[in-house]
N, C-alpha and C. Protein backbone atom coordinates (compact mmCIF):
# COMPACT_ATOMS: atom_id res chain seq x y z
N MET A 1 10.93 3.48 12.82
CA MET A 1 10.10 2.20 12.63
C MET A 1 11.36 0.96 13.04
N SER A 2 10.72 -0.03 13.62
CA SER A 2 11.79 -0.97 13.80
C SER A 2 12.10 -2.03 12.60
N HIS A 3 13.00 -2.72 12.33
CA HIS A 3 12.95 -3.78 11.02
C HIS A 3 11.96 -4.84 11.04
N ASN A 4 11.67 -5.27 12.70
CA ASN A 4 10.71 -6.42 13.26
C ASN A 4 9.54 -5.77 12.60
N GLN A 5 8.93 -4.46 12.59
CA GLN A 5 7.73 -3.98 12.23
C GLN A 5 7.57 -3.93 10.84
N LEU A 6 8.71 -3.57 10.25
CA LEU A 6 8.55 -3.41 8.66
C LEU A 6 8.50 -5.06 7.77
N ASN A 7 9.51 -5.84 8.75
CA ASN A 7 9.16 -7.41 8.10
C ASN A 7 7.49 -7.57 8.20
N THR A 8 7.01 -7.36 9.51
CA THR A 8 5.49 -7.75 9.68
C THR A 8 4.69 -7.27 8.68
N LEU A 9 4.75 -6.02 8.12
CA LEU A 9 4.05 -5.37 7.13
C LEU A 9 4.31 -5.86 5.96
N ILE A 10 5.39 -6.27 5.68
CA ILE A 10 5.56 -6.90 4.12
C ILE A 10 4.94 -8.31 4.23
N ARG A 11 5.12 -8.76 5.39
CA ARG A 11 4.74 -10.34 5.38
C ARG A 11 3.16 -10.13 5.21
N MET A 12 2.47 -9.31 6.13
CA MET A 12 1.15 -9.01 5.95
C MET A 12 0.51 -8.77 4.65
N ALA A 13 1.34 -8.12 4.17
CA ALA A 13 0.76 -7.46 2.53
C ALA A 13 0.71 -8.64 1.60
N ASN A 14 2.00 -9.34 2.15
CA ASN A 14 1.67 -10.53 1.03
C ASN A 14 1.28 -11.53 1.15
N GLN A 15 0.82 -12.05 2.48
CA GLN A 15 -0.24 -12.80 2.73
C GLN A 15 -1.76 -12.46 1.89
N ILE A 16 -2.12 -10.95 2.30
CA ILE A 16 -3.10 -10.57 1.56
C ILE A 16 -3.30 -10.84 0.11
N ALA A 17 -1.75 -10.69 -0.60
CA ALA A 17 -1.90 -10.83 -1.85
C ALA A 17 -1.70 -12.48 -2.24
N ASP A 18 -1.51 -13.24 -1.51
CA ASP A 18 -1.33 -14.52 -1.43
C ASP A 18 -2.96 -14.99 -1.39
N ASN A 19 -3.77 -14.35 -0.81
CA ASN A 19 -5.05 -15.10 -0.49
C ASN A 19 -5.80 -14.47 -1.27
N ASN A 20 -5.76 -13.56 -2.67
CA ASN A 20 -6.30 -13.36 -3.70
C ASN A 20 -5.82 -13.68 -4.79
N HIS A 21 -4.85 -14.76 -4.87
CA HIS A 21 -3.90 -15.17 -6.09
C HIS A 21 -4.88 -15.43 -7.18
N HIS A 22 -5.92 -15.92 -6.76
CA HIS A 22 -7.01 -16.57 -7.82
C HIS A 22 -7.79 -16.09 -8.61
N TYR A 23 -7.58 -14.51 -8.24
CA TYR A 23 -8.34 -13.27 -8.94
C TYR A 23 -7.14 -12.87 -10.16
N PRO A 24 -7.85 -12.82 -11.15
CA PRO A 24 -6.90 -11.86 -12.27
C PRO A 24 -6.13 -10.72 -11.54
N PHE A 25 -5.24 -10.41 -12.47
CA PHE A 25 -4.05 -9.66 -11.69
C PHE A 25 -4.71 -8.21 -10.91
N GLU A 26 -5.12 -7.29 -12.14
CA GLU A 26 -5.77 -6.39 -11.70
C GLU A 26 -6.82 -6.28 -10.86
N GLN A 27 -7.41 -7.28 -10.66
CA GLN A 27 -8.79 -7.61 -9.48
C GLN A 27 -8.05 -7.85 -8.33
N ALA A 28 -7.01 -8.54 -8.41
CA ALA A 28 -6.23 -8.74 -6.90
C ALA A 28 -5.54 -7.49 -6.78
N VAL A 29 -4.96 -6.97 -7.42
CA VAL A 29 -4.44 -5.49 -7.08
C VAL A 29 -5.13 -4.72 -6.18
N ALA A 30 -6.32 -4.59 -7.19
CA ALA A 30 -7.96 -3.85 -6.10
C ALA A 30 -7.93 -4.10 -4.84
N LEU A 31 -8.50 -5.56 -4.74
CA LEU A 31 -8.40 -5.75 -3.55
C LEU A 31 -7.38 -5.95 -2.64
N VAL A 32 -6.18 -6.02 -2.83
CA VAL A 32 -5.16 -5.36 -2.11
C VAL A 32 -5.17 -4.19 -1.30
N CYS A 33 -5.46 -3.34 -2.50
CA CYS A 33 -5.26 -1.76 -2.32
C CYS A 33 -6.46 -1.45 -1.30
N ASN A 34 -7.73 -2.25 -1.70
CA ASN A 34 -9.06 -1.94 -1.06
C ASN A 34 -8.92 -2.53 0.53
N HIS A 35 -8.09 -3.67 0.47
CA HIS A 35 -8.03 -4.11 2.11
C HIS A 35 -7.16 -3.15 3.07
N LEU A 36 -6.17 -2.62 2.34
CA LEU A 36 -4.84 -1.92 2.87
C LEU A 36 -5.69 -0.57 3.48
N GLN A 37 -6.39 -0.14 2.35
CA GLN A 37 -7.06 1.31 2.82
C GLN A 37 -7.91 1.08 3.80
N LYS A 38 -9.07 0.27 4.00
CA LYS A 38 -9.81 -0.20 5.07
C LYS A 38 -9.20 -0.64 6.37
N PHE A 39 -8.70 -1.17 6.14
CA PHE A 39 -8.09 -1.91 7.46
C PHE A 39 -6.98 -1.65 8.00
N TRP A 40 -6.06 -1.13 7.41
CA TRP A 40 -4.88 -0.67 8.10
C TRP A 40 -4.85 0.77 8.15
N ALA A 41 -4.16 0.74 9.45
CA ALA A 41 -3.67 2.18 10.03
C ALA A 41 -3.24 3.17 9.20
N LYS A 42 -3.41 4.26 9.04
CA LYS A 42 -2.30 5.38 8.40
C LYS A 42 -1.01 4.91 8.52
N ALA A 43 -0.81 5.04 9.84
CA ALA A 43 0.89 5.03 9.99
C ALA A 43 1.31 3.70 9.39
N MET A 44 0.71 2.16 9.56
CA MET A 44 0.73 1.15 8.77
C MET A 44 0.93 1.59 7.14
N LYS A 45 0.03 2.18 6.71
CA LYS A 45 0.37 2.25 4.99
C LYS A 45 1.45 3.31 4.73
N MET A 46 1.47 4.30 5.55
CA MET A 46 2.94 5.09 5.38
C MET A 46 4.03 4.33 5.40
N GLN A 47 4.52 3.59 6.26
CA GLN A 47 5.70 2.70 6.42
C GLN A 47 5.89 1.67 5.17
N ILE A 48 4.63 1.25 4.88
CA ILE A 48 4.71 0.41 3.66
C ILE A 48 5.00 0.96 2.44
N ILE A 49 4.55 2.04 2.09
CA ILE A 49 4.54 3.31 0.99
C ILE A 49 6.16 3.44 0.99
N ALA A 50 6.56 4.20 2.43
CA ALA A 50 8.00 4.17 2.26
C ALA A 50 8.92 3.11 1.92
N TYR A 51 8.45 2.22 2.23
CA TYR A 51 9.59 0.74 2.07
C TYR A 51 9.30 0.66 0.43
N TYR A 52 8.12 1.20 0.08
CA TYR A 52 8.05 0.60 -1.71
C TYR A 52 9.16 1.36 -2.20
N HIS A 53 8.86 2.93 -1.79
CA HIS A 53 9.81 3.95 -2.71
C HIS A 53 11.56 3.78 -1.97
N ASN A 54 11.53 3.15 -0.79
CA ASN A 54 12.95 2.99 -0.52
C ASN A 54 13.83 1.84 -1.21
N ASP A 55 12.90 0.93 -1.23
CA ASP A 55 13.50 -0.85 -1.60
C ASP A 55 12.41 -1.42 -2.40
N GLY A 56 11.22 -2.09 -1.60
CA GLY A 56 10.28 -2.83 -2.17
C GLY A 56 10.34 -4.21 -2.63
N SER A 57 11.79 -4.43 -2.47
CA SER A 57 12.28 -5.78 -3.19
C SER A 57 11.44 -7.25 -2.79
N GLU A 58 11.10 -6.95 -1.27
CA GLU A 58 10.57 -8.26 -0.71
C GLU A 58 8.96 -8.33 -1.49
N LEU A 59 8.35 -7.18 -2.09
CA LEU A 59 6.75 -7.15 -1.99
C LEU A 59 6.62 -8.01 -3.33
N ASN A 60 5.41 -8.78 -3.22
CA ASN A 60 4.66 -9.37 -3.98
C ASN A 60 4.20 -8.43 -5.17
N PRO A 61 4.52 -8.90 -6.47
CA PRO A 61 4.24 -7.66 -7.45
C PRO A 61 2.63 -7.47 -7.36
N VAL A 62 1.85 -8.21 -6.93
CA VAL A 62 0.34 -7.66 -6.86
C VAL A 62 0.57 -6.33 -5.66
N VAL A 63 1.14 -6.92 -4.53
CA VAL A 63 1.40 -5.84 -3.38
C VAL A 63 1.99 -4.50 -3.93
N THR A 64 3.30 -4.53 -4.68
CA THR A 64 3.77 -3.56 -5.51
C THR A 64 2.94 -2.64 -6.32
N ALA A 65 1.45 -3.16 -6.92
CA ALA A 65 0.89 -2.62 -7.77
C ALA A 65 -0.01 -2.08 -7.00
N ALA A 66 -0.89 -2.74 -5.91
CA ALA A 66 -1.55 -1.99 -4.96
C ALA A 66 -1.04 -0.74 -4.22
N ILE A 67 -0.21 -0.96 -3.58
CA ILE A 67 0.57 0.08 -3.01
C ILE A 67 0.91 1.33 -3.44
N LYS A 68 1.58 1.22 -5.05
CA LYS A 68 1.49 2.15 -6.01
C LYS A 68 0.13 3.09 -6.21
N GLN A 69 -1.07 2.34 -6.10
CA GLN A 69 -2.50 2.54 -6.36
C GLN A 69 -2.52 3.73 -5.01
N LEU A 70 -2.19 3.04 -3.73
CA LEU A 70 -2.56 3.81 -2.32
C LEU A 70 -1.62 5.03 -2.67
N ASP A 71 -0.36 4.91 -2.89
CA ASP A 71 0.66 6.12 -3.06
C ASP A 71 0.03 7.15 -4.01
N GLU A 72 -0.84 6.76 -4.90
CA GLU A 72 -1.07 7.68 -5.77
C GLU A 72 -2.19 8.25 -5.27
N HIS A 73 -3.00 7.59 -4.85
CA HIS A 73 -4.30 7.98 -3.87
C HIS A 73 -4.03 9.30 -2.70
N TYR A 74 -2.89 8.72 -2.07
CA TYR A 74 -2.39 9.85 -0.86
C TYR A 74 -1.91 10.97 -1.42
N GLN A 75 -1.20 10.96 -2.90
CA GLN A 75 -0.36 11.86 -3.50
C GLN A 75 -1.38 12.83 -3.91
N THR A 76 -2.62 11.88 -4.43
CA THR A 76 -3.66 13.25 -4.85
C THR A 76 -4.77 13.96 -3.68
N LYS A 77 -4.69 12.87 -2.93
CA LYS A 77 -5.65 13.49 -1.55
C LYS A 77 -4.40 14.91 -0.75
N SER A 78 -3.33 14.69 -1.03
CA SER A 78 -2.63 15.65 -0.39
C SER A 78 -2.47 16.88 -1.30
N THR A 79 -2.21 16.61 -2.54
CA THR A 79 -2.36 17.87 -3.42
C THR A 79 -3.89 18.68 -3.53
N ARG A 80 -4.69 18.09 -3.02
CA ARG A 80 -6.16 18.27 -3.21
C ARG A 80 -6.49 19.45 -2.24
N ASN A 81 -5.64 18.83 -0.95
CA ASN A 81 -6.38 19.60 0.34
C ASN A 81 -5.05 20.41 -0.11
N ALA A 82 -3.69 20.64 -0.49
CA ALA A 82 -3.10 21.77 -0.36
C ALA A 82 -3.55 22.94 -1.11
N GLN A 83 -4.11 22.63 -2.33
CA GLN A 83 -5.17 23.50 -2.94
C GLN A 83 -6.29 23.77 -2.54
N GLN A 84 -6.70 23.20 -1.25
CA GLN A 84 -8.02 24.25 -0.88
C GLN A 84 -7.80 24.65 0.33
N SER A 85 -6.28 24.60 0.98
CA SER A 85 -5.89 25.55 2.22
C SER A 85 -5.36 26.73 1.65
N ILE A 86 -5.22 26.87 0.03
CA ILE A 86 -4.38 28.30 -0.41
C ILE A 86 -5.48 29.10 -0.94
N THR A 87 -6.70 28.32 -1.05
CA THR A 87 -8.09 29.28 -1.88
C THR A 87 -9.16 29.58 -0.59
């Protein structure tokens, strides 16, 4: 992933949060998480999650919380899929 691609994802995620700033924090987090889940390609989500884990310093606090939820969703889904393949 290029530095430009990552900067674009960070900017886009922060803009989504900025567009929802008038909502209470938890509602804004849910709206941003939902938007990322619905409209971002899996590769984009994986890139922003990786950035969240490696640095995350340029992310709006709402985005940080939304990506944390998104990451937890993927971890749960991954665990569930692994368990199903064992049985």
